[in-house]
């Protein structure tokens, strides 16, 4: 009877082992529905492996070459490589992050999102350069940003001459265009269109002088009128400087000087126009000046 019971227990135990563990020539399976093509295949819900001990260690070899490891050490889980091998993180079969084994840095192949901010203990660098004292990191659109100095009140200004003549009909605005550029610090003035574009927000001052004349081209009885200079921002009138035309002589010239101080936003466009009105609704002339001191000129600068 004892021999029978012993044979029964051994047979029952072997059936239980065979039901849970399968050993094949090149694989060991634990659990049900196992794949014999995987050297070690554990099929179980929940926790399937536990490594316990002082600083448990899992190592990876390629032949006899030690490649890397996982190790739980006191206060952290360490993932490491050996022999200057890089550590790569992949998602969807694509590289997302590389940590270089030679210590040269980290490359992210996708944008980094730092919702909690970025805290640095060393210098912030671009292309290995941290900049000089007082430098700022300048954006260059889609190209690489660079360190550079900043001028708190940069040189922004222009001057142009408009020494030509044309007939001004009654109550019509004539834009001052196709002028002769004297200088343009910052490259913000277009001499063809006569438009100045503010490169940054701030306070700007514009000034200049213009001439109007009856000369010998118009009706000699014109004795009264108004000569207007209109300053336009983004195509709309913003101010109007005017001078009464009280001219008795047919050849006399009237000169209008102006100064405008305007607060502009970045990208605002400033242009200038002239017009005239008189009692006979006749044309008079925007006149080229005969002397430098009376030249038709416009200038503008950024105050701050």
C-alpha atoms as a PDB file:
ATOM      1  CA  UNK A   1       0.000   0.000   0.000  1.00  0.00           C
ATOM      2  CA  UNK A   2       2.834   2.382   0.876  1.00  0.00           C
ATOM      3  CA  UNK A   3       4.528   1.741  -2.431  1.00  0.00           C
ATOM      4  CA  UNK A   4       1.302   2.484  -4.254  1.00  0.00           C
ATOM      5  CA  UNK A   5       0.775   5.768  -2.411  1.00  0.00           C
ATOM      6  CA  UNK A   6       4.349   6.846  -3.113  1.00  0.00           C
ATOM      7  CA  UNK A   7       3.960   6.087  -6.809  1.00  0.00           C
ATOM      8  CA  UNK A   8       0.667   8.022  -6.855  1.00  0.00           C
ATOM      9  CA  UNK A   9       2.150  11.097  -5.164  1.00  0.00           C
ATOM     10  CA  UNK A  10       5.169  11.170  -7.476  1.00  0.00           C
ATOM     11  CA  UNK A  11       2.944  10.757 -10.487  1.00  0.00           C
ATOM     12  CA  UNK A  12       0.610  13.560  -9.272  1.00  0.00           C
ATOM     13  CA  UNK A  13       3.547  15.896  -8.583  1.00  0.00           C
ATOM     14  CA  UNK A  14       5.021  15.264 -12.009  1.00  0.00           C
ATOM     15  CA  UNK A  15       1.704  16.075 -13.637  1.00  0.00           C
ATOM     16  CA  UNK A  16       1.507  19.327 -11.660  1.00  0.00           C
ATOM     17  CA  UNK A  17       5.036  20.298 -12.677  1.00  0.00           C
ATOM     18  CA  UNK A  18       4.383  19.478 -16.294  1.00  0.00           C
ATOM     19  CA  UNK A  19       1.252  21.610 -16.193  1.00  0.00           C
ATOM     20  CA  UNK A  20       3.150  24.683 -14.938  1.00  0.00           C
ATOM     21  CA  UNK A  21       6.692  24.298 -16.301  1.00  0.00           C
ATOM     22  CA  UNK A  22       7.715  23.132 -19.744  1.00  0.00           C
ATOM     23  CA  UNK A  23      11.317  22.422 -20.585  1.00  0.00           C
ATOM     24  CA  UNK A  24      12.354  22.124 -24.186  1.00  0.00           C
ATOM     25  CA  UNK A  25      15.842  21.841 -25.742  1.00  0.00           C
ATOM     26  CA  UNK A  26      16.174  25.623 -26.184  1.00  0.00           C
ATOM     27  CA  UNK A  27      13.518  27.097 -23.918  1.00  0.00           C
ATOM     28  CA  UNK A  28      11.905  27.038 -20.505  1.00  0.00           C
ATOM     29  CA  UNK A  29       8.277  28.048 -20.099  1.00  0.00           C
ATOM     30  CA  UNK A  30       6.419  28.853 -16.897  1.00  0.00           C
ATOM     31  CA  UNK A  31       2.629  29.079 -17.010  1.00  0.00           C
ATOM     32  CA  UNK A  32       0.052  28.167 -19.649  1.00  0.00           C
ATOM     33  CA  UNK A  33       0.044  28.728 -23.464  1.00  0.00           C
ATOM     34  CA  UNK A  34       3.800  29.188 -23.717  1.00  0.00           C
ATOM     35  CA  UNK A  35       5.957  29.944 -26.739  1.00  0.00           C
ATOM     36  CA  UNK A  36       8.761  27.482 -27.290  1.00  0.00           C
ATOM     37  CA  UNK A  37      10.603  29.982 -29.483  1.00  0.00           C
ATOM     38  CA  UNK A  38      11.397  32.232 -26.495  1.00  0.00           C
ATOM     39  CA  UNK A  39      14.322  31.024 -24.304  1.00  0.00           C
ATOM     40  CA  UNK A  40      12.507  32.011 -21.105  1.00  0.00           C
ATOM     41  CA  UNK A  41       8.796  32.674 -21.350  1.00  0.00           C
ATOM     42  CA  UNK A  42       6.709  33.478 -18.270  1.00  0.00           C
ATOM     43  CA  UNK A  43       2.967  33.704 -18.830  1.00  0.00           C
ATOM     44  CA  UNK A  44       1.254  35.054 -15.734  1.00  0.00           C
ATOM     45  CA  UNK A  45      -0.878  38.009 -14.742  1.00  0.00           C
ATOM     46  CA  UNK A  46       0.493  40.465 -12.201  1.00  0.00           C
ATOM     47  CA  UNK A  47       4.052  40.442 -10.900  1.00  0.00           C
ATOM     48  CA  UNK A  48       6.041  37.900 -12.892  1.00  0.00           C
ATOM     49  CA  UNK A  49       9.565  38.336 -11.550  1.00  0.00           C
ATOM     50  CA  UNK A  50      11.146  39.622  -8.381  1.00  0.00           C
ATOM     51  CA  UNK A  51      14.852  40.229  -7.771  1.00  0.00           C
ATOM     52  CA  UNK A  52      15.643  40.542  -4.082  1.00  0.00           C
ATOM     53  CA  UNK A  53      18.862  41.186  -2.261  1.00  0.00           C
ATOM     54  CA  UNK A  54      21.360  43.896  -1.436  1.00  0.00           C
ATOM     55  CA  UNK A  55      21.587  46.001  -4.626  1.00  0.00           C
ATOM     56  CA  UNK A  56      20.078  43.399  -7.002  1.00  0.00           C
ATOM     57  CA  UNK A  57      21.778  43.399 -10.359  1.00  0.00           C
ATOM     58  CA  UNK A  58      20.797  42.404 -13.929  1.00  0.00           C
ATOM     59  CA  UNK A  59      23.572  42.411 -16.473  1.00  0.00           C
ATOM     60  CA  UNK A  60      23.623  42.261 -20.278  1.00  0.00           C
ATOM     61  CA  UNK A  61      26.376  40.690 -22.388  1.00  0.00           C
ATOM     62  CA  UNK A  62      27.076  40.343 -26.073  1.00  0.00           C
ATOM     63  CA  UNK A  63      29.183  37.233 -26.020  1.00  0.00           C
ATOM     64  CA  UNK A  64      31.898  38.022 -23.521  1.00  0.00           C
ATOM     65  CA  UNK A  65      31.445  41.819 -23.890  1.00  0.00           C
ATOM     66  CA  UNK A  66      29.685  43.482 -20.964  1.00  0.00           C
ATOM     67  CA  UNK A  67      27.170  45.956 -22.456  1.00  0.00           C
ATOM     68  CA  UNK A  68      25.055  47.260 -19.603  1.00  0.00           C
ATOM     69  CA  UNK A  69      22.998  46.629 -16.493  1.00  0.00           C
ATOM     70  CA  UNK A  70      20.009  47.432 -14.297  1.00  0.00           C
ATOM     71  CA  UNK A  71      20.706  47.766 -10.597  1.00  0.00           C
ATOM     72  CA  UNK A  72      18.761  48.882  -7.544  1.00  0.00           C
ATOM     73  CA  UNK A  73      21.150  50.837  -5.345  1.00  0.00           C
ATOM     74  CA  UNK A  74      20.019  52.242  -2.005  1.00  0.00           C
ATOM     75  CA  UNK A  75      18.108  55.363  -3.088  1.00  0.00           C
ATOM     76  CA  UNK A  76      17.878  54.928  -6.888  1.00  0.00           C
ATOM     77  CA  UNK A  77      17.451  52.553  -9.793  1.00  0.00           C
ATOM     78  CA  UNK A  78      20.507  52.715 -12.004  1.00  0.00           C
ATOM     79  CA  UNK A  79      20.526  52.051 -15.753  1.00  0.00           C
ATOM     80  CA  UNK A  80      24.064  51.945 -17.055  1.00  0.00           C
ATOM     81  CA  UNK A  81      26.227  51.063 -20.029  1.00  0.00           C
ATOM     82  CA  UNK A  82      29.824  49.941 -20.236  1.00  0.00           C
ATOM     83  CA  UNK A  83      32.756  50.623 -22.553  1.00  0.00           C
ATOM     84  CA  UNK A  84      31.451  54.073 -23.607  1.00  0.00           C
ATOM     85  CA  UNK A  85      28.332  52.588 -25.157  1.00  0.00           C
ATOM     86  CA  UNK A  86      25.438  55.002 -25.722  1.00  0.00           C
ATOM     87  CA  UNK A  87      22.044  54.531 -24.093  1.00  0.00           C
ATOM     88  CA  UNK A  88      19.168  55.005 -26.535  1.00  0.00           C
ATOM     89  CA  UNK A  89      15.454  55.337 -25.829  1.00  0.00           C
ATOM     90  CA  UNK A  90      13.097  54.313 -28.620  1.00  0.00           C
ATOM     91  CA  UNK A  91       9.350  54.751 -29.178  1.00  0.00           C
ATOM     92  CA  UNK A  92       7.430  53.343 -32.135  1.00  0.00           C
ATOM     93  CA  UNK A  93      10.709  51.911 -33.433  1.00  0.00           C
ATOM     94  CA  UNK A  94      12.195  55.391 -33.685  1.00  0.00           C
ATOM     95  CA  UNK A  95      15.008  56.932 -31.585  1.00  0.00           C
ATOM     96  CA  UNK A  96      13.711  59.574 -29.183  1.00  0.00           C
ATOM     97  CA  UNK A  97      16.623  60.226 -26.829  1.00  0.00           C
ATOM     98  CA  UNK A  98      20.330  59.339 -26.758  1.00  0.00           C
ATOM     99  CA  UNK A  99      22.704  59.602 -23.809  1.00  0.00           C
ATOM    100  CA  UNK A 100      26.271  59.457 -25.102  1.00  0.00           C
ATOM    101  CA  UNK A 101      28.546  57.011 -23.314  1.00  0.00           C
ATOM    102  CA  UNK A 102      31.614  59.236 -23.730  1.00  0.00           C
ATOM    103  CA  UNK A 103      29.964  61.999 -21.690  1.00  0.00           C
ATOM    104  CA  UNK A 104      29.682  64.409 -24.632  1.00  0.00           C
ATOM    105  CA  UNK A 105      26.006  65.129 -24.039  1.00  0.00           C
ATOM    106  CA  UNK A 106      22.405  64.146 -24.624  1.00  0.00           C
ATOM    107  CA  UNK A 107      20.524  64.366 -27.922  1.00  0.00           C
ATOM    108  CA  UNK A 108      16.742  64.602 -28.067  1.00  0.00           C
ATOM    109  CA  UNK A 109      15.293  63.634 -31.434  1.00  0.00           C
ATOM    110  CA  UNK A 110      11.885  65.109 -30.578  1.00  0.00           C
ATOM    111  CA  UNK A 111      10.897  68.431 -28.931  1.00  0.00           C
ATOM    112  CA  UNK A 112      11.339  68.573 -25.165  1.00  0.00           C
ATOM    113  CA  UNK A 113       8.470  69.820 -23.019  1.00  0.00           C
ATOM    114  CA  UNK A 114       9.462  71.224 -19.612  1.00  0.00           C
ATOM    115  CA  UNK A 115       6.158  72.247 -18.064  1.00  0.00           C
ATOM    116  CA  UNK A 116       7.760  72.778 -14.671  1.00  0.00           C
ATOM    117  CA  UNK A 117      10.574  74.930 -16.091  1.00  0.00           C
ATOM    118  CA  UNK A 118      14.285  74.281 -16.547  1.00  0.00           C
ATOM    119  CA  UNK A 119      16.706  74.611 -13.640  1.00  0.00           C
ATOM    120  CA  UNK A 120      20.401  74.841 -14.511  1.00  0.00           C
ATOM    121  CA  UNK A 121      23.385  74.463 -12.215  1.00  0.00           C
ATOM    122  CA  UNK A 122      25.875  75.260 -14.976  1.00  0.00           C
ATOM    123  CA  UNK A 123      25.898  77.819 -17.807  1.00  0.00           C
ATOM    124  CA  UNK A 124      23.213  77.658 -20.477  1.00  0.00           C
ATOM    125  CA  UNK A 125      25.044  77.024 -23.746  1.00  0.00           C
ATOM    126  CA  UNK A 126      24.309  77.055 -27.455  1.00  0.00           C
ATOM    127  CA  UNK A 127      26.824  75.354 -29.730  1.00  0.00           C
ATOM    128  CA  UNK A 128      29.120  74.947 -26.718  1.00  0.00           C
ATOM    129  CA  UNK A 129      29.266  78.707 -26.029  1.00  0.00           C
ATOM    130  CA  UNK A 130      27.749  80.353 -22.948  1.00  0.00           C
ATOM    131  CA  UNK A 131      28.140  83.930 -24.216  1.00  0.00           C
ATOM    132  CA  UNK A 132      29.949  86.866 -22.637  1.00  0.00           C
ATOM    133  CA  UNK A 133      28.830  88.936 -19.662  1.00  0.00           C
ATOM    134  CA  UNK A 134      25.725  90.929 -20.554  1.00  0.00           C
ATOM    135  CA  UNK A 135      24.936  88.874 -23.670  1.00  0.00           C
ATOM    136  CA  UNK A 136      21.408  87.745 -24.479  1.00  0.00           C
ATOM    137  CA  UNK A 137      20.247  84.818 -26.559  1.00  0.00           C
ATOM    138  CA  UNK A 138      18.899  86.205 -29.827  1.00  0.00           C
ATOM    139  CA  UNK A 139      16.345  84.425 -31.960  1.00  0.00           C
ATOM    140  CA  UNK A 140      17.019  84.178 -35.691  1.00  0.00           C
ATOM    141  CA  UNK A 141      13.689  82.699 -36.735  1.00  0.00           C
ATOM    142  CA  UNK A 142      14.026  79.090 -37.849  1.00  0.00           C
ATOM    143  CA  UNK A 143      17.811  79.098 -37.645  1.00  0.00           C
ATOM    144  CA  UNK A 144      20.040  78.463 -34.609  1.00  0.00           C
ATOM    145  CA  UNK A 145      19.782  81.165 -31.888  1.00  0.00           C
ATOM    146  CA  UNK A 146      23.026  82.885 -30.958  1.00  0.00           C
ATOM    147  CA  UNK A 147      24.439  84.819 -28.045  1.00  0.00           C
ATOM    148  CA  UNK A 148      25.005  88.524 -28.660  1.00  0.00           C
ATOM    149  CA  UNK A 149      25.146  91.931 -27.048  1.00  0.00           C
ATOM    150  CA  UNK A 150      22.075  94.095 -26.776  1.00  0.00           C
ATOM    151  CA  UNK A 151      21.933  97.854 -27.303  1.00  0.00           C
ATOM    152  CA  UNK A 152      19.290  99.299 -25.011  1.00  0.00           C
ATOM    153  CA  UNK A 153      18.761 102.292 -27.294  1.00  0.00           C
ATOM    154  CA  UNK A 154      19.869 101.047 -30.736  1.00  0.00           C
ATOM    155  CA  UNK A 155      20.627 103.455 -33.581  1.00  0.00           C
ATOM    156  CA  UNK A 156      17.328 103.675 -35.445  1.00  0.00           C
ATOM    157  CA  UNK A 157      16.733 106.606 -37.764  1.00  0.00           C
ATOM    158  CA  UNK A 158      16.593 107.854 -41.337  1.00  0.00           C
ATOM    159  CA  UNK A 159      16.705 110.986 -43.467  1.00  0.00           C
ATOM    160  CA  UNK A 160      15.579 111.556 -47.052  1.00  0.00           C
ATOM    161  CA  UNK A 161      15.254 114.413 -49.537  1.00  0.00           C
ATOM    162  CA  UNK A 162      12.294 114.991 -51.852  1.00  0.00           C
ATOM    163  CA  UNK A 163      13.634 117.768 -54.070  1.00  0.00           C
ATOM    164  CA  UNK A 164      11.236 117.500 -56.998  1.00  0.00           C
ATOM    165  CA  UNK A 165       8.168 119.432 -58.153  1.00  0.00           C
ATOM    166  CA  UNK A 166       4.652 118.334 -59.011  1.00  0.00           C
ATOM    167  CA  UNK A 167       1.246 119.919 -59.371  1.00  0.00           C
ATOM    168  CA  UNK A 168      -1.128 119.615 -56.424  1.00  0.00           C
ATOM    169  CA  UNK A 169      -4.803 119.763 -57.334  1.00  0.00           C
ATOM    170  CA  UNK A 170      -7.309 120.911 -54.777  1.00  0.00           C
ATOM    171  CA  UNK A 171      -8.055 118.726 -51.734  1.00  0.00           C
ATOM    172  CA  UNK A 172      -6.093 115.683 -52.835  1.00  0.00           C
ATOM    173  CA  UNK A 173      -3.540 113.817 -50.769  1.00  0.00           C
ATOM    174  CA  UNK A 174      -0.187 113.173 -52.460  1.00  0.00           C
ATOM    175  CA  UNK A 175       2.086 110.642 -50.799  1.00  0.00           C
ATOM    176  CA  UNK A 176       5.766 111.562 -50.591  1.00  0.00           C
ATOM    177  CA  UNK A 177       7.450 108.684 -52.447  1.00  0.00           C
ATOM    178  CA  UNK A 178      10.538 107.973 -54.557  1.00  0.00           C
ATOM    179  CA  UNK A 179      12.787 110.064 -52.371  1.00  0.00           C
ATOM    180  CA  UNK A 180      16.562 110.303 -52.140  1.00  0.00           C
ATOM    181  CA  UNK A 181      17.781 108.418 -49.070  1.00  0.00           C
ATOM    182  CA  UNK A 182      20.511 110.209 -47.092  1.00  0.00           C
ATOM    183  CA  UNK A 183      20.909 107.510 -44.408  1.00  0.00           C
ATOM    184  CA  UNK A 184      18.894 104.683 -42.895  1.00  0.00           C
ATOM    185  CA  UNK A 185      20.255 103.303 -39.633  1.00  0.00           C
ATOM    186  CA  UNK A 186      18.574  99.966 -38.994  1.00  0.00           C
ATOM    187  CA  UNK A 187      17.269  99.576 -42.568  1.00  0.00           C
ATOM    188  CA  UNK A 188      13.667 100.416 -41.655  1.00  0.00           C
ATOM    189  CA  UNK A 189      12.896 103.079 -44.294  1.00  0.00           C
ATOM    190  CA  UNK A 190      11.820 102.349 -47.868  1.00  0.00           C
ATOM    191  CA  UNK A 191      12.766 105.288 -50.158  1.00  0.00           C
ATOM    192  CA  UNK A 192      10.561 104.000 -52.982  1.00  0.00           C
ATOM    193  CA  UNK A 193       7.325 103.904 -50.976  1.00  0.00           C
ATOM    194  CA  UNK A 194       8.369 106.562 -48.450  1.00  0.00           C
ATOM    195  CA  UNK A 195       7.293 104.249 -45.615  1.00  0.00           C
ATOM    196  CA  UNK A 196       9.116 103.888 -42.301  1.00  0.00           C
ATOM    197  CA  UNK A 197       8.392 100.647 -40.400  1.00  0.00           C
ATOM    198  CA  UNK A 198       8.947 100.725 -36.627  1.00  0.00           C
ATOM    199  CA  UNK A 199      11.294  97.839 -35.708  1.00  0.00           C
ATOM    200  CA  UNK A 200      10.176  97.906 -32.065  1.00  0.00           C
ATOM    201  CA  UNK A 201       7.676  99.641 -29.826  1.00  0.00           C
ATOM    202  CA  UNK A 202       8.657 103.027 -28.441  1.00  0.00           C
ATOM    203  CA  UNK A 203       8.585 106.789 -28.863  1.00  0.00           C
ATOM    204  CA  UNK A 204       9.630 108.189 -32.253  1.00  0.00           C
ATOM    205  CA  UNK A 205      10.212 111.741 -33.495  1.00  0.00           C
ATOM    206  CA  UNK A 206       9.759 112.837 -37.110  1.00  0.00           C
ATOM    207  CA  UNK A 207      10.602 116.253 -38.511  1.00  0.00           C
ATOM    208  CA  UNK A 208      11.274 118.021 -41.778  1.00  0.00           C
ATOM    209  CA  UNK A 209      10.302 120.872 -44.073  1.00  0.00           C
ATOM    210  CA  UNK A 210       8.514 121.322 -47.421  1.00  0.00           C
ATOM    211  CA  UNK A 211       7.940 124.082 -49.939  1.00  0.00           C
ATOM    212  CA  UNK A 212       4.920 125.123 -51.988  1.00  0.00           C
ATOM    213  CA  UNK A 213       4.900 127.744 -54.725  1.00  0.00           C
ATOM    214  CA  UNK A 214       2.663 129.638 -57.107  1.00  0.00           C
ATOM    215  CA  UNK A 215       5.644 130.390 -59.292  1.00  0.00           C
ATOM    216  CA  UNK A 216       4.465 131.264 -62.818  1.00  0.00           C
ATOM    217  CA  UNK A 217       2.377 128.168 -63.378  1.00  0.00           C
ATOM    218  CA  UNK A 218      -0.933 129.038 -61.757  1.00  0.00           C
ATOM    219  CA  UNK A 219      -3.524 131.734 -61.608  1.00  0.00           C
ATOM    220  CA  UNK A 220      -1.986 135.001 -60.320  1.00  0.00           C
ATOM    221  CA  UNK A 221      -5.112 135.841 -58.295  1.00  0.00           C
ATOM    222  CA  UNK A 222      -4.598 133.032 -55.770  1.00  0.00           C
ATOM    223  CA  UNK A 223      -4.002 134.900 -52.502  1.00  0.00           C
ATOM    224  CA  UNK A 224      -5.347 132.505 -49.909  1.00  0.00           C
ATOM    225  CA  UNK A 225      -5.102 128.810 -49.158  1.00  0.00           C
ATOM    226  CA  UNK A 226      -3.761 126.162 -46.799  1.00  0.00           C
ATOM    227  CA  UNK A 227      -0.747 123.906 -47.323  1.00  0.00           C
ATOM    228  CA  UNK A 228      -1.104 120.612 -45.403  1.00  0.00           C
ATOM    229  CA  UNK A 229       1.311 117.911 -44.340  1.00  0.00           C
ATOM    230  CA  UNK A 230      -0.432 114.700 -43.234  1.00  0.00           C
ATOM    231  CA  UNK A 231       1.308 112.084 -41.110  1.00  0.00           C
ATOM    232  CA  UNK A 232      -0.173 108.627 -41.628  1.00  0.00           C
ATOM    233  CA  UNK A 233       0.140 105.523 -39.453  1.00  0.00           C
ATOM    234  CA  UNK A 234      -0.748 102.252 -41.148  1.00  0.00           C
ATOM    235  CA  UNK A 235      -2.417 104.216 -43.938  1.00  0.00           C
ATOM    236  CA  UNK A 236      -4.705 106.275 -41.692  1.00  0.00           C
ATOM    237  CA  UNK A 237      -4.309 109.991 -40.960  1.00  0.00           C
ATOM    238  CA  UNK A 238      -2.984 110.643 -37.489  1.00  0.00           C
ATOM    239  CA  UNK A 239      -1.974 114.318 -37.571  1.00  0.00           C
ATOM    240  CA  UNK A 240      -2.126 117.319 -39.873  1.00  0.00           C
ATOM    241  CA  UNK A 241       0.324 120.221 -39.938  1.00  0.00           C
ATOM    242  CA  UNK A 242      -0.817 123.184 -42.026  1.00  0.00           C
ATOM    243  CA  UNK A 243       0.257 126.678 -43.001  1.00  0.00           C
ATOM    244  CA  UNK A 244      -1.960 129.407 -44.492  1.00  0.00           C
ATOM    245  CA  UNK A 245      -1.029 130.455 -48.020  1.00  0.00           C
ATOM    246  CA  UNK A 246      -1.158 134.232 -48.117  1.00  0.00           C
ATOM    247  CA  UNK A 247       0.976 134.925 -51.150  1.00  0.00           C
ATOM    248  CA  UNK A 248       0.821 138.037 -53.253  1.00  0.00           C
ATOM    249  CA  UNK A 249       3.794 137.507 -55.501  1.00  0.00           C
ATOM    250  CA  UNK A 250       3.508 134.915 -58.265  1.00  0.00           C
ATOM    251  CA  UNK A 251       6.984 133.522 -57.545  1.00  0.00           C
ATOM    252  CA  UNK A 252       6.951 133.458 -53.741  1.00  0.00           C
ATOM    253  CA  UNK A 253       7.453 130.179 -51.906  1.00  0.00           C
ATOM    254  CA  UNK A 254       5.874 129.128 -48.646  1.00  0.00           C
ATOM    255  CA  UNK A 255       7.797 126.760 -46.386  1.00  0.00           C
ATOM    256  CA  UNK A 256       6.236 124.413 -43.860  1.00  0.00           C
ATOM    257  CA  UNK A 257       8.295 122.795 -41.094  1.00  0.00           C
ATOM    258  CA  UNK A 258       6.950 120.106 -38.821  1.00  0.00           C
ATOM    259  CA  UNK A 259       7.853 118.011 -35.806  1.00  0.00           C
ATOM    260  CA  UNK A 260       5.842 114.984 -34.720  1.00  0.00           C
ATOM    261  CA  UNK A 261       6.451 112.817 -31.638  1.00  0.00           C
ATOM    262  CA  UNK A 262       4.518 109.578 -31.953  1.00  0.00           C
ATOM    263  CA  UNK A 263       4.259 106.439 -29.862  1.00  0.00           C
ATOM    264  CA  UNK A 264       4.452 103.410 -32.153  1.00  0.00           C
ATOM    265  CA  UNK A 265       4.050  99.677 -31.819  1.00  0.00           C
ATOM    266  CA  UNK A 266       6.379  97.203 -33.474  1.00  0.00           C
ATOM    267  CA  UNK A 267       5.485  96.907 -37.151  1.00  0.00           C
ATOM    268  CA  UNK A 268       3.588 100.223 -37.389  1.00  0.00           C
ATOM    269  CA  UNK A 269       4.146 101.938 -40.738  1.00  0.00           C
ATOM    270  CA  UNK A 270       4.545 105.713 -40.976  1.00  0.00           C
ATOM    271  CA  UNK A 271       4.181 107.662 -44.227  1.00  0.00           C
ATOM    272  CA  UNK A 272       3.672 111.293 -45.204  1.00  0.00           C
ATOM    273  CA  UNK A 273       1.428 113.127 -47.664  1.00  0.00           C
ATOM    274  CA  UNK A 274       0.818 116.739 -48.722  1.00  0.00           C
ATOM    275  CA  UNK A 275      -2.294 118.534 -49.929  1.00  0.00           C
ATOM    276  CA  UNK A 276      -3.516 122.083 -50.530  1.00  0.00           C
ATOM    277  CA  UNK A 277      -6.688 124.123 -50.748  1.00  0.00           C
ATOM    278  CA  UNK A 278      -7.354 127.693 -51.956  1.00  0.00           C
ATOM    279  CA  UNK A 279     -10.255 129.992 -52.744  1.00  0.00           C
ATOM    280  CA  UNK A 280     -10.191 129.438 -56.497  1.00  0.00           C
ATOM    281  CA  UNK A 281      -9.919 125.624 -56.471  1.00  0.00           C
ATOM    282  CA  UNK A 282      -6.821 125.884 -58.659  1.00  0.00           C
ATOM    283  CA  UNK A 283      -3.601 123.935 -58.556  1.00  0.00           C
ATOM    284  CA  UNK A 284      -0.417 125.092 -56.936  1.00  0.00           C
ATOM    285  CA  UNK A 285       2.959 123.384 -56.935  1.00  0.00           C
ATOM    286  CA  UNK A 286       4.872 121.272 -54.488  1.00  0.00           C
ATOM    287  CA  UNK A 287       8.191 122.869 -55.263  1.00  0.00           C
ATOM    288  CA  UNK A 288      11.776 121.719 -55.336  1.00  0.00           C
ATOM    289  CA  UNK A 289      13.825 124.062 -53.183  1.00  0.00           C
ATOM    290  CA  UNK A 290      16.567 126.177 -54.657  1.00  0.00           C
ATOM    291  CA  UNK A 291      18.749 126.073 -51.522  1.00  0.00           C
ATOM    292  CA  UNK A 292      19.923 123.344 -49.198  1.00  0.00           C
ATOM    293  CA  UNK A 293      18.425 125.066 -46.177  1.00  0.00           C
ATOM    294  CA  UNK A 294      15.030 125.033 -47.855  1.00  0.00           C
ATOM    295  CA  UNK A 295      15.226 121.470 -49.220  1.00  0.00           C
ATOM    296  CA  UNK A 296      12.212 119.201 -48.925  1.00  0.00           C
ATOM    297  CA  UNK A 297      13.363 116.686 -46.342  1.00  0.00           C
ATOM    298  CA  UNK A 298      12.016 114.193 -43.796  1.00  0.00           C
ATOM    299  CA  UNK A 299      13.900 112.595 -40.945  1.00  0.00           C
ATOM    300  CA  UNK A 300      12.941 110.289 -38.117  1.00  0.00           C
ATOM    301  CA  UNK A 301      14.633 108.758 -35.049  1.00  0.00           C
ATOM    302  CA  UNK A 302      13.661 106.492 -32.193  1.00  0.00           C
ATOM    303  CA  UNK A 303      13.855 108.424 -28.922  1.00  0.00           C
ATOM    304  CA  UNK A 304      13.556 105.368 -26.646  1.00  0.00           C
END
